[in-house]
C-alpha atoms as a PDB file:
ATOM      1  CA  MET A   1     -62.171  21.635  87.704  1.00  0.00           C
ATOM      2  CA  PRO A   2     -59.800  24.446  87.218  1.00  0.00           C
ATOM      3  CA  GLU A   3     -57.893  24.652  83.932  1.00  0.00           C
ATOM      4  CA  GLN A   4     -54.364  23.327  84.203  1.00  0.00           C
ATOM      5  CA  LYS A   5     -51.445  25.893  83.412  1.00  0.00           C
ATOM      6  CA  THR A   6     -49.183  24.709  80.667  1.00  0.00           C
ATOM      7  CA  LYS A   7     -45.762  26.049  79.390  1.00  0.00           C
ATOM      8  CA  ASP A   8     -44.890  26.506  75.735  1.00  0.00           C
ATOM      9  CA  LEU A   9     -41.511  24.657  75.284  1.00  0.00           C
ATOM     10  CA  LYS A  10     -39.384  23.969  72.179  1.00  0.00           C
ATOM     11  CA  HIS A  11     -36.651  21.517  71.395  1.00  0.00           C
ATOM     12  CA  GLY A  12     -34.390  21.634  68.436  1.00  0.00           C
ATOM     13  CA  SER A  13     -33.322  18.279  66.968  1.00  0.00           C
ATOM     14  CA  THR A  14     -32.640  16.265  63.708  1.00  0.00           C
ATOM     15  CA  GLU A  15     -35.549  14.048  64.757  1.00  0.00           C
ATOM     16  CA  ILE A  16     -39.162  14.529  65.461  1.00  0.00           C
ATOM     17  CA  VAL A  17     -39.648  13.795  69.146  1.00  0.00           C
ATOM     18  CA  ALA A  18     -43.234  13.109  70.005  1.00  0.00           C
ATOM     19  CA  SER A  19     -42.658  11.954  73.620  1.00  0.00           C
ATOM     20  CA  PRO A  20     -39.314  12.894  75.244  1.00  0.00           C
ATOM     21  CA  TYR A  21     -37.590   9.784  76.831  1.00  0.00           C
ATOM     22  CA  LEU A  22     -34.941  10.843  79.315  1.00  0.00           C
ATOM     23  CA  LYS A  23     -33.145   7.541  79.489  1.00  0.00           C
ATOM     24  CA  ASN A  24     -31.953   8.221  75.970  1.00  0.00           C
ATOM     25  CA  SER A  25     -30.161  11.313  77.254  1.00  0.00           C
ATOM     26  CA  ARG A  26     -26.324  11.690  76.832  1.00  0.00           C
ATOM     27  CA  ARG A  27     -24.608  11.851  80.344  1.00  0.00           C
ATOM     28  CA  PHE A  28     -22.093  14.587  79.692  1.00  0.00           C
ATOM     29  CA  LEU A  29     -24.092  17.605  78.599  1.00  0.00           C
ATOM     30  CA  ASP A  30     -23.616  21.219  79.942  1.00  0.00           C
ATOM     31  CA  PHE A  31     -26.135  20.883  82.706  1.00  0.00           C
ATOM     32  CA  GLY A  32     -26.001  17.105  83.251  1.00  0.00           C
ATOM     33  CA  PRO A  33     -28.340  14.465  81.618  1.00  0.00           C
ATOM     34  CA  GLY A  34     -31.791  15.477  80.591  1.00  0.00           C
ATOM     35  CA  PHE A  35     -34.048  16.658  77.799  1.00  0.00           C
ATOM     36  CA  TYR A  36     -33.133  20.218  77.056  1.00  0.00           C
ATOM     37  CA  THR A  37     -35.909  22.687  76.038  1.00  0.00           C
ATOM     38  CA  THR A  38     -36.298  26.516  75.735  1.00  0.00           C
ATOM     39  CA  ASN A  39     -39.205  28.855  75.504  1.00  0.00           C
ATOM     40  CA  ASN A  40     -37.218  30.713  72.796  1.00  0.00           C
ATOM     41  CA  GLY A  41     -38.240  29.667  69.307  1.00  0.00           C
ATOM     42  CA  LYS A  42     -35.008  31.134  67.772  1.00  0.00           C
ATOM     43  CA  MET A  43     -32.689  29.389  70.189  1.00  0.00           C
ATOM     44  CA  ALA A  44     -34.473  26.023  69.437  1.00  0.00           C
ATOM     45  CA  GLU A  45     -34.056  26.706  65.696  1.00  0.00           C
ATOM     46  CA  ASN A  46     -30.411  27.511  66.057  1.00  0.00           C
ATOM     47  CA  TRP A  47     -29.833  24.392  68.082  1.00  0.00           C
ATOM     48  CA  ALA A  48     -31.646  22.310  65.449  1.00  0.00           C
ATOM     49  CA  ARG A  49     -29.202  23.807  62.848  1.00  0.00           C
ATOM     50  CA  ILE A  50     -26.159  23.054  64.917  1.00  0.00           C
ATOM     51  CA  LYS A  51     -27.400  19.414  65.368  1.00  0.00           C
ATOM     52  CA  MET A  52     -27.926  19.157  61.694  1.00  0.00           C
ATOM     53  CA  GLU A  53     -24.232  20.000  61.044  1.00  0.00           C
ATOM     54  CA  ILE A  54     -22.995  17.765  63.770  1.00  0.00           C
ATOM     55  CA  ASN A  55     -25.082  14.790  62.536  1.00  0.00           C
ATOM     56  CA  LYS A  56     -24.180  15.668  58.870  1.00  0.00           C
ATOM     57  CA  THR A  57     -27.804  15.717  57.733  1.00  0.00           C
ATOM     58  CA  ASN A  58     -29.992  18.212  55.762  1.00  0.00           C
ATOM     59  CA  VAL A  59     -33.119  17.794  57.963  1.00  0.00           C
ATOM     60  CA  ALA A  60     -33.812  19.660  61.341  1.00  0.00           C
ATOM     61  CA  TYR A  61     -36.956  20.076  63.373  1.00  0.00           C
ATOM     62  CA  VAL A  62     -38.188  22.324  66.139  1.00  0.00           C
ATOM     63  CA  ASN A  63     -40.364  20.086  68.287  1.00  0.00           C
ATOM     64  CA  PHE A  64     -43.256  21.920  70.365  1.00  0.00           C
ATOM     65  CA  TYR A  65     -44.424  20.829  73.862  1.00  0.00           C
ATOM     66  CA  GLU A  66     -47.126  22.134  76.294  1.00  0.00           C
ATOM     67  CA  PRO A  67     -46.522  20.227  79.402  1.00  0.00           C
ATOM     68  CA  PRO A  68     -48.344  21.083  82.560  1.00  0.00           C
ATOM     69  CA  VAL A  69     -46.414  23.492  84.662  1.00  0.00           C
ATOM     70  CA  SER A  70     -46.886  21.209  87.666  1.00  0.00           C
ATOM     71  CA  ARG A  71     -44.851  18.434  85.843  1.00  0.00           C
ATOM     72  CA  LEU A  72     -41.894  20.537  85.129  1.00  0.00           C
ATOM     73  CA  ASN A  73     -38.495  20.156  86.943  1.00  0.00           C
ATOM     74  CA  SER A  74     -35.935  22.765  85.936  1.00  0.00           C
ATOM     75  CA  LYS A  75     -32.608  23.453  87.281  1.00  0.00           C
END
């Protein structure tokens, strides 16, 4: 069986998100509802810091994911 290609994605947050659940997404985001990720580690880190300030907390995380490319839906 051929090896499945994956994509390294990051998500900045004030929470550890082991399994993204899209139904918890806010409706009025820049590009509509969804679970936003990036392949840029610095961008995820910056977003985690922004979320930390918004939520008035002192904890932030960069969550890492390796989903199969065949399962991705980007706009």
